[in-house]
Amino acid sequence: MLDSKPASTPSDPSAKVHQDSSTPYPDIPSYRRLVGRLLYLNATRPNITFSTQQLSQFMSKPTMAHFKAATRVLRYLKTCPGRGIMFPRDSNMHLQGFSDADWAGCLDSRRSISGQCFLL
C-alpha cells in the first residue's frame, strides 16, 4: 500500500457499492480487519465515514469490488495524513448538527440509510 497511487476522494462518486455477483474476496477476515480499522479511524476522520459505512454492510460476503473500494479509502488517507479533528483547550466552540437520508438508496434491500454530522 505504501507504493500505491494516492486517491483524491475516499470513494468513487460514480460507483454504487452493492452486493454484486463479482468475484468473492478470498480472505474475509482480512477484509473485516481492514473495515474495522477504518471504522476506528472514523472517530478522528469524519471525512471517511460515509465510505466506511457503505463498506461495513458487506462484512459477511465481501467481493473484490468491495476490497478495491476499501483500499481506495486507504489511498485517500495517504493523501492527507495530517488532517483530523483537533480540540483546542481555550476556544469558544459552537455545536452544529446536520442529518441526511438517501431514501431507499441501497440497490439490494431498498432500505434507507441515514447519517448525521455534528460540527464543533
PDB file of N, CA and C in Angstrom:
ATOM      1  N   MET A   1       0.812  -1.205   0.000  1.00  0.00           N
ATOM      2  CA  MET A   1       0.000   0.000   0.000  1.00  0.00           C
ATOM      3  C   MET A   1       0.853   1.266   0.000  1.00  0.00           C
ATOM      4  N   LEU A   2       2.067   1.184   0.520  1.00  0.00           N
ATOM      5  CA  LEU A   2       2.896   2.384   0.589  1.00  0.00           C
ATOM      6  C   LEU A   2       3.266   2.906  -0.789  1.00  0.00           C
ATOM      7  N   ASP A   3       3.341   2.020  -1.773  1.00  0.00           N
ATOM      8  CA  ASP A   3       3.709   2.436  -3.120  1.00  0.00           C
ATOM      9  C   ASP A   3       2.504   2.725  -4.003  1.00  0.00           C
ATOM     10  N   SER A   4       1.316   2.667  -3.454  1.00  0.00           N
ATOM     11  CA  SER A   4       0.111   2.852  -4.265  1.00  0.00           C
ATOM     12  C   SER A   4      -0.111   4.324  -4.601  1.00  0.00           C
ATOM     13  N   LYS A   5      -0.860   4.540  -5.658  1.00  0.00           N
ATOM     14  CA  LYS A   5      -1.177   5.893  -6.110  1.00  0.00           C
ATOM     15  C   LYS A   5      -2.220   6.513  -5.179  1.00  0.00           C
ATOM     16  N   PRO A   6      -2.003   7.728  -4.681  1.00  0.00           N
ATOM     17  CA  PRO A   6      -2.985   8.375  -3.798  1.00  0.00           C
ATOM     18  C   PRO A   6      -4.302   8.652  -4.528  1.00  0.00           C
ATOM     19  N   ALA A   7      -5.394   8.671  -3.781  1.00  0.00           N
ATOM     20  CA  ALA A   7      -6.719   8.978  -4.325  1.00  0.00           C
ATOM     21  C   ALA A   7      -7.172  10.333  -3.797  1.00  0.00           C
ATOM     22  N   SER A   8      -7.866  11.086  -4.626  1.00  0.00           N
ATOM     23  CA  SER A   8      -8.289  12.432  -4.221  1.00  0.00           C
ATOM     24  C   SER A   8      -9.586  12.436  -3.413  1.00  0.00           C
ATOM     25  N   THR A   9     -10.355  11.352  -3.465  1.00  0.00           N
ATOM     26  CA  THR A   9     -11.601  11.232  -2.701  1.00  0.00           C
ATOM     27  C   THR A   9     -11.654   9.854  -2.051  1.00  0.00           C
ATOM     28  N   PRO A  10     -12.396   9.692  -0.944  1.00  0.00           N
ATOM     29  CA  PRO A  10     -12.448   8.387  -0.289  1.00  0.00           C
ATOM     30  C   PRO A  10     -13.196   7.318  -1.084  1.00  0.00           C
ATOM     31  N   SER A  11     -14.095   7.730  -1.963  1.00  0.00           N
ATOM     32  CA  SER A  11     -14.803   6.747  -2.792  1.00  0.00           C
ATOM     33  C   SER A  11     -15.030   7.326  -4.179  1.00  0.00           C
ATOM     34  N   ASP A  12     -15.267   6.439  -5.115  1.00  0.00           N
ATOM     35  CA  ASP A  12     -15.544   6.856  -6.484  1.00  0.00           C
ATOM     36  C   ASP A  12     -16.973   7.389  -6.548  1.00  0.00           C
ATOM     37  N   PRO A  13     -17.159   8.662  -6.890  1.00  0.00           N
ATOM     38  CA  PRO A  13     -18.507   9.236  -6.879  1.00  0.00           C
ATOM     39  C   PRO A  13     -19.466   8.568  -7.865  1.00  0.00           C
ATOM     40  N   SER A  14     -18.950   7.963  -8.913  1.00  0.00           N
ATOM     41  CA  SER A  14     -19.827   7.356  -9.914  1.00  0.00           C
ATOM     42  C   SER A  14     -20.140   5.892  -9.622  1.00  0.00           C
ATOM     43  N   ALA A  15     -19.501   5.311  -8.612  1.00  0.00           N
ATOM     44  CA  ALA A  15     -19.700   3.888  -8.313  1.00  0.00           C
ATOM     45  C   ALA A  15     -20.694   3.710  -7.180  1.00  0.00           C
ATOM     46  N   LYS A  16     -21.625   2.781  -7.358  1.00  0.00           N
ATOM     47  CA  LYS A  16     -22.566   2.401  -6.303  1.00  0.00           C
ATOM     48  C   LYS A  16     -22.052   1.113  -5.684  1.00  0.00           C
ATOM     49  N   VAL A  17     -21.901   1.099  -4.371  1.00  0.00           N
ATOM     50  CA  VAL A  17     -21.450  -0.102  -3.673  1.00  0.00           C
ATOM     51  C   VAL A  17     -22.682  -0.936  -3.348  1.00  0.00           C
ATOM     52  N   HIS A  18     -22.720  -2.165  -3.862  1.00  0.00           N
ATOM     53  CA  HIS A  18     -23.842  -3.060  -3.596  1.00  0.00           C
ATOM     54  C   HIS A  18     -23.354  -4.502  -3.648  1.00  0.00           C
ATOM     55  N   GLN A  19     -24.214  -5.423  -3.235  1.00  0.00           N
ATOM     56  CA  GLN A  19     -23.863  -6.842  -3.240  1.00  0.00           C
ATOM     57  C   GLN A  19     -24.002  -7.343  -4.670  1.00  0.00           C
ATOM     58  N   ASP A  20     -22.899  -7.329  -5.389  1.00  0.00           N
ATOM     59  CA  ASP A  20     -22.937  -7.748  -6.782  1.00  0.00           C
ATOM     60  C   ASP A  20     -22.490  -9.201  -6.919  1.00  0.00           C
ATOM     61  N   SER A  21     -22.450  -9.669  -8.128  1.00  0.00           N
ATOM     62  CA  SER A  21     -22.083 -11.063  -8.373  1.00  0.00           C
ATOM     63  C   SER A  21     -20.635 -11.194  -8.826  1.00  0.00           C
ATOM     64  N   SER A  22     -19.799 -10.208  -8.509  1.00  0.00           N
ATOM     65  CA  SER A  22     -18.398 -10.301  -8.911  1.00  0.00           C
ATOM     66  C   SER A  22     -17.665 -11.315  -8.037  1.00  0.00           C
ATOM     67  N   THR A  23     -16.399 -11.468  -8.281  1.00  0.00           N
ATOM     68  CA  THR A  23     -15.585 -12.467  -7.602  1.00  0.00           C
ATOM     69  C   THR A  23     -15.579 -12.244  -6.095  1.00  0.00           C
ATOM     70  N   PRO A  24     -15.902 -13.275  -5.310  1.00  0.00           N
ATOM     71  CA  PRO A  24     -15.842 -13.127  -3.851  1.00  0.00           C
ATOM     72  C   PRO A  24     -14.405 -12.870  -3.399  1.00  0.00           C
ATOM     73  N   TYR A  25     -14.262 -12.047  -2.386  1.00  0.00           N
ATOM     74  CA  TYR A  25     -12.930 -11.792  -1.840  1.00  0.00           C
ATOM     75  C   TYR A  25     -12.517 -13.016  -1.027  1.00  0.00           C
ATOM     76  N   PRO A  26     -11.347 -13.597  -1.307  1.00  0.00           N
ATOM     77  CA  PRO A  26     -10.988 -14.880  -0.689  1.00  0.00           C
ATOM     78  C   PRO A  26     -10.653 -14.819   0.800  1.00  0.00           C
ATOM     79  N   ASP A  27     -10.173 -13.681   1.298  1.00  0.00           N
ATOM     80  CA  ASP A  27      -9.732 -13.593   2.692  1.00  0.00           C
ATOM     81  C   ASP A  27     -10.687 -12.688   3.479  1.00  0.00           C
ATOM     82  N   ILE A  28     -11.817 -13.240   3.878  1.00  0.00           N
ATOM     83  CA  ILE A  28     -12.854 -12.463   4.570  1.00  0.00           C
ATOM     84  C   ILE A  28     -12.345 -11.857   5.882  1.00  0.00           C
ATOM     85  N   PRO A  29     -11.575 -12.597   6.715  1.00  0.00           N
ATOM     86  CA  PRO A  29     -11.080 -11.973   7.957  1.00  0.00           C
ATOM     87  C   PRO A  29     -10.218 -10.732   7.719  1.00  0.00           C
ATOM     88  N   SER A  30      -9.414 -10.720   6.662  1.00  0.00           N
ATOM     89  CA  SER A  30      -8.587  -9.528   6.415  1.00  0.00           C
ATOM     90  C   SER A  30      -9.454  -8.350   5.970  1.00  0.00           C
ATOM     91  N   TYR A  31     -10.527  -8.622   5.217  1.00  0.00           N
ATOM     92  CA  TYR A  31     -11.457  -7.546   4.844  1.00  0.00           C
ATOM     93  C   TYR A  31     -12.122  -6.977   6.090  1.00  0.00           C
ATOM     94  N   ARG A  32     -12.529  -7.847   6.986  1.00  0.00           N
ATOM     95  CA  ARG A  32     -13.172  -7.395   8.224  1.00  0.00           C
ATOM     96  C   ARG A  32     -12.213  -6.566   9.073  1.00  0.00           C
ATOM     97  N   ARG A  33     -10.953  -6.987   9.147  1.00  0.00           N
ATOM     98  CA  ARG A  33      -9.963  -6.213   9.907  1.00  0.00           C
ATOM     99  C   ARG A  33      -9.766  -4.835   9.284  1.00  0.00           C
ATOM    100  N   LEU A  34      -9.664  -4.795   7.957  1.00  0.00           N
ATOM    101  CA  LEU A  34      -9.456  -3.528   7.263  1.00  0.00           C
ATOM    102  C   LEU A  34     -10.623  -2.570   7.513  1.00  0.00           C
ATOM    103  N   VAL A  35     -11.845  -3.052   7.351  1.00  0.00           N
ATOM    104  CA  VAL A  35     -13.013  -2.195   7.565  1.00  0.00           C
ATOM    105  C   VAL A  35     -13.123  -1.812   9.043  1.00  0.00           C
ATOM    106  N   GLY A  36     -12.788  -2.723   9.943  1.00  0.00           N
ATOM    107  CA  GLY A  36     -12.796  -2.406  11.371  1.00  0.00           C
ATOM    108  C   GLY A  36     -11.816  -1.299  11.711  1.00  0.00           C
ATOM    109  N   ARG A  37     -10.667  -1.321  11.094  1.00  0.00           N
ATOM    110  CA  ARG A  37      -9.681  -0.256  11.325  1.00  0.00           C
ATOM    111  C   ARG A  37     -10.163   1.074  10.752  1.00  0.00           C
ATOM    112  N   LEU A  38     -10.827   1.014   9.610  1.00  0.00           N
ATOM    113  CA  LEU A  38     -11.392   2.244   9.046  1.00  0.00           C
ATOM    114  C   LEU A  38     -12.498   2.795   9.945  1.00  0.00           C
ATOM    115  N   LEU A  39     -13.307   1.908  10.523  1.00  0.00           N
ATOM    116  CA  LEU A  39     -14.344   2.350  11.463  1.00  0.00           C
ATOM    117  C   LEU A  39     -13.722   3.020  12.681  1.00  0.00           C
ATOM    118  N   TYR A  40     -12.597   2.500  13.145  1.00  0.00           N
ATOM    119  CA  TYR A  40     -11.891   3.109  14.274  1.00  0.00           C
ATOM    120  C   TYR A  40     -11.419   4.522  13.909  1.00  0.00           C
ATOM    121  N   LEU A  41     -10.942   4.678  12.687  1.00  0.00           N
ATOM    122  CA  LEU A  41     -10.459   5.991  12.246  1.00  0.00           C
ATOM    123  C   LEU A  41     -11.581   7.015  12.102  1.00  0.00           C
ATOM    124  N   ASN A  42     -12.815   6.558  11.987  1.00  0.00           N
ATOM    125  CA  ASN A  42     -13.948   7.488  11.865  1.00  0.00           C
ATOM    126  C   ASN A  42     -14.024   8.474  13.020  1.00  0.00           C
ATOM    127  N   ALA A  43     -13.513   8.103  14.179  1.00  0.00           N
ATOM    128  CA  ALA A  43     -13.583   8.985  15.348  1.00  0.00           C
ATOM    129  C   ALA A  43     -12.862  10.304  15.105  1.00  0.00           C
ATOM    130  N   THR A  44     -11.760  10.259  14.381  1.00  0.00           N
ATOM    131  CA  THR A  44     -10.999  11.482  14.131  1.00  0.00           C
ATOM    132  C   THR A  44     -10.965  11.875  12.658  1.00  0.00           C
ATOM    133  N   ARG A  45     -11.510  11.048  11.801  1.00  0.00           N
ATOM    134  CA  ARG A  45     -11.521  11.337  10.365  1.00  0.00           C
ATOM    135  C   ARG A  45     -12.941  11.207   9.817  1.00  0.00           C
ATOM    136  N   PRO A  46     -13.827  12.147  10.155  1.00  0.00           N
ATOM    137  CA  PRO A  46     -15.219  12.021   9.710  1.00  0.00           C
ATOM    138  C   PRO A  46     -15.395  12.078   8.195  1.00  0.00           C
ATOM    139  N   ASN A  47     -14.372  12.503   7.470  1.00  0.00           N
ATOM    140  CA  ASN A  47     -14.485  12.571   6.017  1.00  0.00           C
ATOM    141  C   ASN A  47     -14.509  11.191   5.357  1.00  0.00           C
ATOM    142  N   ILE A  48     -14.216  10.119   6.097  1.00  0.00           N
ATOM    143  CA  ILE A  48     -14.298   8.773   5.522  1.00  0.00           C
ATOM    144  C   ILE A  48     -15.508   8.001   6.043  1.00  0.00           C
ATOM    145  N   THR A  49     -16.344   8.642   6.839  1.00  0.00           N
ATOM    146  CA  THR A  49     -17.455   7.945   7.488  1.00  0.00           C
ATOM    147  C   THR A  49     -18.428   7.336   6.486  1.00  0.00           C
ATOM    148  N   PHE A  50     -18.836   8.072   5.483  1.00  0.00           N
ATOM    149  CA  PHE A  50     -19.813   7.539   4.532  1.00  0.00           C
ATOM    150  C   PHE A  50     -19.256   6.329   3.795  1.00  0.00           C
ATOM    151  N   SER A  51     -18.039   6.437   3.298  1.00  0.00           N
ATOM    152  CA  SER A  51     -17.432   5.316   2.569  1.00  0.00           C
ATOM    153  C   SER A  51     -17.281   4.095   3.458  1.00  0.00           C
ATOM    154  N   THR A  52     -16.849   4.307   4.690  1.00  0.00           N
ATOM    155  CA  THR A  52     -16.653   3.196   5.618  1.00  0.00           C
ATOM    156  C   THR A  52     -17.981   2.546   5.975  1.00  0.00           C
ATOM    157  N   GLN A  53     -19.006   3.349   6.154  1.00  0.00           N
ATOM    158  CA  GLN A  53     -20.333   2.802   6.459  1.00  0.00           C
ATOM    159  C   GLN A  53     -20.830   1.941   5.302  1.00  0.00           C
ATOM    160  N   GLN A  54     -20.606   2.385   4.083  1.00  0.00           N
ATOM    161  CA  GLN A  54     -21.010   1.601   2.918  1.00  0.00           C
ATOM    162  C   GLN A  54     -20.285   0.254   2.887  1.00  0.00           C
ATOM    163  N   LEU A  55     -18.984   0.268   3.161  1.00  0.00           N
ATOM    164  CA  LEU A  55     -18.189  -0.965   3.117  1.00  0.00           C
ATOM    165  C   LEU A  55     -18.543  -1.917   4.248  1.00  0.00           C
ATOM    166  N   SER A  56     -18.962  -1.383   5.385  1.00  0.00           N
ATOM    167  CA  SER A  56     -19.261  -2.243   6.533  1.00  0.00           C
ATOM    168  C   SER A  56     -20.539  -3.054   6.337  1.00  0.00           C
ATOM    169  N   GLN A  57     -21.336  -2.743   5.346  1.00  0.00           N
ATOM    170  CA  GLN A  57     -22.549  -3.509   5.071  1.00  0.00           C
ATOM    171  C   GLN A  57     -22.246  -4.892   4.493  1.00  0.00           C
ATOM    172  N   PHE A  58     -21.027  -5.103   4.020  1.00  0.00           N
ATOM    173  CA  PHE A  58     -20.697  -6.333   3.307  1.00  0.00           C
ATOM    174  C   PHE A  58     -19.640  -7.153   4.034  1.00  0.00           C
ATOM    175  N   MET A  59     -19.696  -7.152   5.360  1.00  0.00           N
ATOM    176  CA  MET A  59     -18.710  -7.885   6.157  1.00  0.00           C
ATOM    177  C   MET A  59     -18.857  -9.400   6.000  1.00  0.00           C
ATOM    178  N   SER A  60     -20.051  -9.888   5.718  1.00  0.00           N
ATOM    179  CA  SER A  60     -20.245 -11.337   5.637  1.00  0.00           C
ATOM    180  C   SER A  60     -19.881 -11.902   4.269  1.00  0.00           C
ATOM    181  N   LYS A  61     -20.085 -11.141   3.198  1.00  0.00           N
ATOM    182  CA  LYS A  61     -19.789 -11.628   1.847  1.00  0.00           C
ATOM    183  C   LYS A  61     -19.118 -10.540   1.013  1.00  0.00           C
ATOM    184  N   PRO A  62     -17.900 -10.158   1.357  1.00  0.00           N
ATOM    185  CA  PRO A  62     -17.241  -9.124   0.557  1.00  0.00           C
ATOM    186  C   PRO A  62     -16.799  -9.678  -0.799  1.00  0.00           C
ATOM    187  N   THR A  63     -16.766  -8.803  -1.769  1.00  0.00           N
ATOM    188  CA  THR A  63     -16.279  -9.169  -3.095  1.00  0.00           C
ATOM    189  C   THR A  63     -14.991  -8.397  -3.374  1.00  0.00           C
ATOM    190  N   MET A  64     -14.381  -8.703  -4.501  1.00  0.00           N
ATOM    191  CA  MET A  64     -13.164  -7.984  -4.887  1.00  0.00           C
ATOM    192  C   MET A  64     -13.464  -6.494  -5.096  1.00  0.00           C
ATOM    193  N   ALA A  65     -14.666  -6.173  -5.564  1.00  0.00           N
ATOM    194  CA  ALA A  65     -15.043  -4.764  -5.743  1.00  0.00           C
ATOM    195  C   ALA A  65     -15.090  -4.038  -4.401  1.00  0.00           C
ATOM    196  N   HIS A  66     -15.573  -4.725  -3.366  1.00  0.00           N
ATOM    197  CA  HIS A  66     -15.616  -4.110  -2.033  1.00  0.00           C
ATOM    198  C   HIS A  66     -14.201  -3.900  -1.500  1.00  0.00           C
ATOM    199  N   PHE A  67     -13.329  -4.883  -1.698  1.00  0.00           N
ATOM    200  CA  PHE A  67     -11.946  -4.735  -1.238  1.00  0.00           C
ATOM    201  C   PHE A  67     -11.256  -3.593  -1.980  1.00  0.00           C
ATOM    202  N   LYS A  68     -11.517  -3.492  -3.268  1.00  0.00           N
ATOM    203  CA  LYS A  68     -10.930  -2.402  -4.054  1.00  0.00           C
ATOM    204  C   LYS A  68     -11.410  -1.046  -3.524  1.00  0.00           C
ATOM    205  N   ALA A  69     -12.694  -0.956  -3.163  1.00  0.00           N
ATOM    206  CA  ALA A  69     -13.230   0.291  -2.604  1.00  0.00           C
ATOM    207  C   ALA A  69     -12.601   0.594  -1.249  1.00  0.00           C
ATOM    208  N   ALA A  70     -12.346  -0.441  -0.441  1.00  0.00           N
ATOM    209  CA  ALA A  70     -11.714  -0.237   0.869  1.00  0.00           C
ATOM    210  C   ALA A  70     -10.278   0.248   0.708  1.00  0.00           C
ATOM    211  N   THR A  71      -9.570  -0.304  -0.267  1.00  0.00           N
ATOM    212  CA  THR A  71      -8.193   0.153  -0.478  1.00  0.00           C
ATOM    213  C   THR A  71      -8.168   1.577  -1.033  1.00  0.00           C
ATOM    214  N   ARG A  72      -9.230   1.977  -1.720  1.00  0.00           N
ATOM    215  CA  ARG A  72      -9.293   3.372  -2.181  1.00  0.00           C
ATOM    216  C   ARG A  72      -9.373   4.323  -0.995  1.00  0.00           C
ATOM    217  N   VAL A  73     -10.107   3.939   0.050  1.00  0.00           N
ATOM    218  CA  VAL A  73     -10.173   4.774   1.258  1.00  0.00           C
ATOM    219  C   VAL A  73      -8.774   4.910   1.851  1.00  0.00           C
ATOM    220  N   LEU A  74      -8.020   3.815   1.882  1.00  0.00           N
ATOM    221  CA  LEU A  74      -6.640   3.878   2.385  1.00  0.00           C
ATOM    222  C   LEU A  74      -5.780   4.787   1.518  1.00  0.00           C
ATOM    223  N   ARG A  75      -5.959   4.696   0.205  1.00  0.00           N
ATOM    224  CA  ARG A  75      -5.184   5.556  -0.691  1.00  0.00           C
ATOM    225  C   ARG A  75      -5.554   7.018  -0.490  1.00  0.00           C
ATOM    226  N   TYR A  76      -6.826   7.291  -0.156  1.00  0.00           N
ATOM    227  CA  TYR A  76      -7.240   8.660   0.152  1.00  0.00           C
ATOM    228  C   TYR A  76      -6.572   9.143   1.437  1.00  0.00           C
ATOM    229  N   LEU A  77      -6.555   8.289   2.453  1.00  0.00           N
ATOM    230  CA  LEU A  77      -5.932   8.673   3.724  1.00  0.00           C
ATOM    231  C   LEU A  77      -4.447   8.972   3.550  1.00  0.00           C
ATOM    232  N   LYS A  78      -3.844   8.338   2.569  1.00  0.00           N
ATOM    233  CA  LYS A  78      -2.426   8.576   2.289  1.00  0.00           C
ATOM    234  C   LYS A  78      -2.189  10.017   1.819  1.00  0.00           C
ATOM    235  N   THR A  79      -3.192  10.632   1.182  1.00  0.00           N
ATOM    236  CA  THR A  79      -3.013  11.994   0.659  1.00  0.00           C
ATOM    237  C   THR A  79      -3.059  13.063   1.738  1.00  0.00           C
ATOM    238  N   CYS A  80      -3.641  12.741   2.893  1.00  0.00           N
ATOM    239  CA  CYS A  80      -3.829  13.771   3.921  1.00  0.00           C
ATOM    240  C   CYS A  80      -3.555  13.209   5.316  1.00  0.00           C
ATOM    241  N   PRO A  81      -2.315  12.815   5.600  1.00  0.00           N
ATOM    242  CA  PRO A  81      -2.037  12.190   6.899  1.00  0.00           C
ATOM    243  C   PRO A  81      -2.140  13.141   8.087  1.00  0.00           C
ATOM    244  N   GLY A  82      -1.990  14.427   7.888  1.00  0.00           N
ATOM    245  CA  GLY A  82      -2.007  15.367   8.999  1.00  0.00           C
ATOM    246  C   GLY A  82      -3.379  15.895   9.353  1.00  0.00           C
ATOM    247  N   ARG A  83      -4.376  15.548   8.564  1.00  0.00           N
ATOM    248  CA  ARG A  83      -5.729  16.041   8.842  1.00  0.00           C
ATOM    249  C   ARG A  83      -6.386  15.200   9.922  1.00  0.00           C
ATOM    250  N   GLY A  84      -7.291  15.802  10.622  1.00  0.00           N
ATOM    251  CA  GLY A  84      -8.007  15.108  11.682  1.00  0.00           C
ATOM    252  C   GLY A  84      -8.691  16.135  12.558  1.00  0.00           C
ATOM    253  N   ILE A  85      -9.342  15.677  13.579  1.00  0.00           N
ATOM    254  CA  ILE A  85     -10.036  16.585  14.486  1.00  0.00           C
ATOM    255  C   ILE A  85      -9.103  16.973  15.619  1.00  0.00           C
ATOM    256  N   MET A  86      -8.976  18.252  15.829  1.00  0.00           N
ATOM    257  CA  MET A  86      -8.178  18.780  16.933  1.00  0.00           C
ATOM    258  C   MET A  86      -9.103  19.618  17.808  1.00  0.00           C
ATOM    259  N   PHE A  87      -9.039  19.410  19.096  1.00  0.00           N
ATOM    260  CA  PHE A  87      -9.857  20.162  20.035  1.00  0.00           C
ATOM    261  C   PHE A  87      -8.950  21.060  20.872  1.00  0.00           C
ATOM    262  N   PRO A  88      -8.847  22.353  20.521  1.00  0.00           N
ATOM    263  CA  PRO A  88      -8.009  23.252  21.306  1.00  0.00           C
ATOM    264  C   PRO A  88      -8.610  23.487  22.689  1.00  0.00           C
ATOM    265  N   ARG A  89      -7.731  23.704  23.649  1.00  0.00           N
ATOM    266  CA  ARG A  89      -8.185  23.899  25.031  1.00  0.00           C
ATOM    267  C   ARG A  89      -8.986  25.170  25.224  1.00  0.00           C
ATOM    268  N   ASP A  90      -8.433  26.250  24.767  1.00  0.00           N
ATOM    269  CA  ASP A  90      -9.033  27.555  25.032  1.00  0.00           C
ATOM    270  C   ASP A  90      -9.709  28.104  23.778  1.00  0.00           C
ATOM    271  N   SER A  91     -10.949  27.701  23.562  1.00  0.00           N
ATOM    272  CA  SER A  91     -11.693  28.239  22.428  1.00  0.00           C
ATOM    273  C   SER A  91     -13.186  28.182  22.728  1.00  0.00           C
ATOM    274  N   ASN A  92     -13.905  29.049  22.096  1.00  0.00           N
ATOM    275  CA  ASN A  92     -15.362  29.034  22.206  1.00  0.00           C
ATOM    276  C   ASN A  92     -15.899  28.172  21.071  1.00  0.00           C
ATOM    277  N   MET A  93     -16.354  26.984  21.413  1.00  0.00           N
ATOM    278  CA  MET A  93     -16.848  26.068  20.388  1.00  0.00           C
ATOM    279  C   MET A  93     -18.356  26.193  20.252  1.00  0.00           C
ATOM    280  N   HIS A  94     -18.831  26.060  19.029  1.00  0.00           N
ATOM    281  CA  HIS A  94     -20.254  26.132  18.717  1.00  0.00           C
ATOM    282  C   HIS A  94     -20.650  24.810  18.071  1.00  0.00           C
ATOM    283  N   LEU A  95     -21.613  24.108  18.654  1.00  0.00           N
ATOM    284  CA  LEU A  95     -22.064  22.823  18.137  1.00  0.00           C
ATOM    285  C   LEU A  95     -23.133  23.038  17.074  1.00  0.00           C
ATOM    286  N   GLN A  96     -22.938  22.391  15.907  1.00  0.00           N
ATOM    287  CA  GLN A  96     -23.881  22.498  14.806  1.00  0.00           C
ATOM    288  C   GLN A  96     -24.128  21.090  14.276  1.00  0.00           C
ATOM    289  N   GLY A  97     -25.380  20.720  14.019  1.00  0.00           N
ATOM    290  CA  GLY A  97     -25.701  19.367  13.576  1.00  0.00           C
ATOM    291  C   GLY A  97     -26.458  19.345  12.262  1.00  0.00           C
ATOM    292  N   PHE A  98     -26.210  18.297  11.470  1.00  0.00           N
ATOM    293  CA  PHE A  98     -26.877  18.094  10.189  1.00  0.00           C
ATOM    294  C   PHE A  98     -27.273  16.628  10.085  1.00  0.00           C
ATOM    295  N   SER A  99     -28.321  16.341   9.336  1.00  0.00           N
ATOM    296  CA  SER A  99     -28.699  14.950   9.080  1.00  0.00           C
ATOM    297  C   SER A  99     -29.157  14.822   7.633  1.00  0.00           C
ATOM    298  N   ASP A 100     -29.085  13.596   7.118  1.00  0.00           N
ATOM    299  CA  ASP A 100     -29.474  13.345   5.737  1.00  0.00           C
ATOM    300  C   ASP A 100     -29.877  11.884   5.605  1.00  0.00           C
ATOM    301  N   ALA A 101     -30.655  11.575   4.594  1.00  0.00           N
ATOM    302  CA  ALA A 101     -31.047  10.198   4.293  1.00  0.00           C
ATOM    303  C   ALA A 101     -31.062  10.031   2.781  1.00  0.00           C
ATOM    304  N   ASP A 102     -30.822   8.816   2.317  1.00  0.00           N
ATOM    305  CA  ASP A 102     -30.815   8.596   0.870  1.00  0.00           C
ATOM    306  C   ASP A 102     -32.106   7.968   0.346  1.00  0.00           C
ATOM    307  N   TRP A 103     -33.077   7.720   1.202  1.00  0.00           N
ATOM    308  CA  TRP A 103     -34.408   7.264   0.810  1.00  0.00           C
ATOM    309  C   TRP A 103     -34.351   6.076  -0.148  1.00  0.00           C
ATOM    310  N   ALA A 104     -34.039   4.923   0.409  1.00  0.00           N
ATOM    311  CA  ALA A 104     -34.015   3.643  -0.319  1.00  0.00           C
ATOM    312  C   ALA A 104     -32.926   3.611  -1.380  1.00  0.00           C
ATOM    313  N   GLY A 105     -31.747   4.088  -1.035  1.00  0.00           N
ATOM    314  CA  GLY A 105     -30.643   4.113  -1.982  1.00  0.00           C
ATOM    315  C   GLY A 105     -29.900   2.799  -2.115  1.00  0.00           C
ATOM    316  N   CYS A 106     -30.097   1.856  -1.191  1.00  0.00           N
ATOM    317  CA  CYS A 106     -29.426   0.558  -1.269  1.00  0.00           C
ATOM    318  C   CYS A 106     -30.052  -0.251  -2.398  1.00  0.00           C
ATOM    319  N   LEU A 107     -29.251  -0.653  -3.376  1.00  0.00           N
ATOM    320  CA  LEU A 107     -29.765  -1.372  -4.530  1.00  0.00           C
ATOM    321  C   LEU A 107     -30.221  -2.782  -4.191  1.00  0.00           C
ATOM    322  N   ASP A 108     -29.722  -3.359  -3.095  1.00  0.00           N
ATOM    323  CA  ASP A 108     -30.053  -4.737  -2.749  1.00  0.00           C
ATOM    324  C   ASP A 108     -31.318  -4.837  -1.906  1.00  0.00           C
ATOM    325  N   SER A 109     -31.417  -4.060  -0.842  1.00  0.00           N
ATOM    326  CA  SER A 109     -32.546  -4.193   0.086  1.00  0.00           C
ATOM    327  C   SER A 109     -33.561  -3.058  -0.027  1.00  0.00           C
ATOM    328  N   ARG A 110     -33.237  -1.998  -0.773  1.00  0.00           N
ATOM    329  CA  ARG A 110     -34.075  -0.809  -0.910  1.00  0.00           C
ATOM    330  C   ARG A 110     -34.328  -0.129   0.431  1.00  0.00           C
ATOM    331  N   ARG A 111     -33.404  -0.297   1.356  1.00  0.00           N
ATOM    332  CA  ARG A 111     -33.509   0.364   2.658  1.00  0.00           C
ATOM    333  C   ARG A 111     -32.907   1.760   2.583  1.00  0.00           C
ATOM    334  N   SER A 112     -33.424   2.614   3.406  1.00  0.00           N
ATOM    335  CA  SER A 112     -32.866   3.959   3.512  1.00  0.00           C
ATOM    336  C   SER A 112     -31.669   3.941   4.452  1.00  0.00           C
ATOM    337  N   ILE A 113     -30.718   4.771   4.153  1.00  0.00           N
ATOM    338  CA  ILE A 113     -29.545   4.935   5.008  1.00  0.00           C
ATOM    339  C   ILE A 113     -29.512   6.390   5.431  1.00  0.00           C
ATOM    340  N   SER A 114     -29.417   6.597   6.720  1.00  0.00           N
ATOM    341  CA  SER A 114     -29.373   7.966   7.220  1.00  0.00           C
ATOM    342  C   SER A 114     -28.038   8.215   7.897  1.00  0.00           C
ATOM    343  N   GLY A 115     -27.707   9.467   8.017  1.00  0.00           N
ATOM    344  CA  GLY A 115     -26.457   9.830   8.671  1.00  0.00           C
ATOM    345  C   GLY A 115     -26.582  11.184   9.334  1.00  0.00           C
ATOM    346  N   GLN A 116     -25.721  11.397  10.282  1.00  0.00           N
ATOM    347  CA  GLN A 116     -25.693  12.668  10.990  1.00  0.00           C
ATOM    348  C   GLN A 116     -24.263  13.186  11.002  1.00  0.00           C
ATOM    349  N   CYS A 117     -24.151  14.484  11.071  1.00  0.00           N
ATOM    350  CA  CYS A 117     -22.845  15.123  11.170  1.00  0.00           C
ATOM    351  C   CYS A 117     -22.972  16.259  12.175  1.00  0.00           C
ATOM    352  N   PHE A 118     -22.102  16.254  13.154  1.00  0.00           N
ATOM    353  CA  PHE A 118     -22.090  17.309  14.160  1.00  0.00           C
ATOM    354  C   PHE A 118     -20.752  18.016  14.094  1.00  0.00           C
ATOM    355  N   LEU A 119     -20.796  19.315  14.043  1.00  0.00           N
ATOM    356  CA  LEU A 119     -19.592  20.131  13.935  1.00  0.00           C
ATOM    357  C   LEU A 119     -19.445  20.992  15.172  1.00  0.00           C
ATOM    358  N   LEU A 120     -18.220  21.091  15.636  1.00  0.00           N
ATOM    359  CA  LEU A 120     -17.915  21.986  16.750  1.00  0.00           C
ATOM    360  C   LEU A 120     -17.251  23.228  16.221  1.00  0.00           C
TER     361      LEU A 120
END
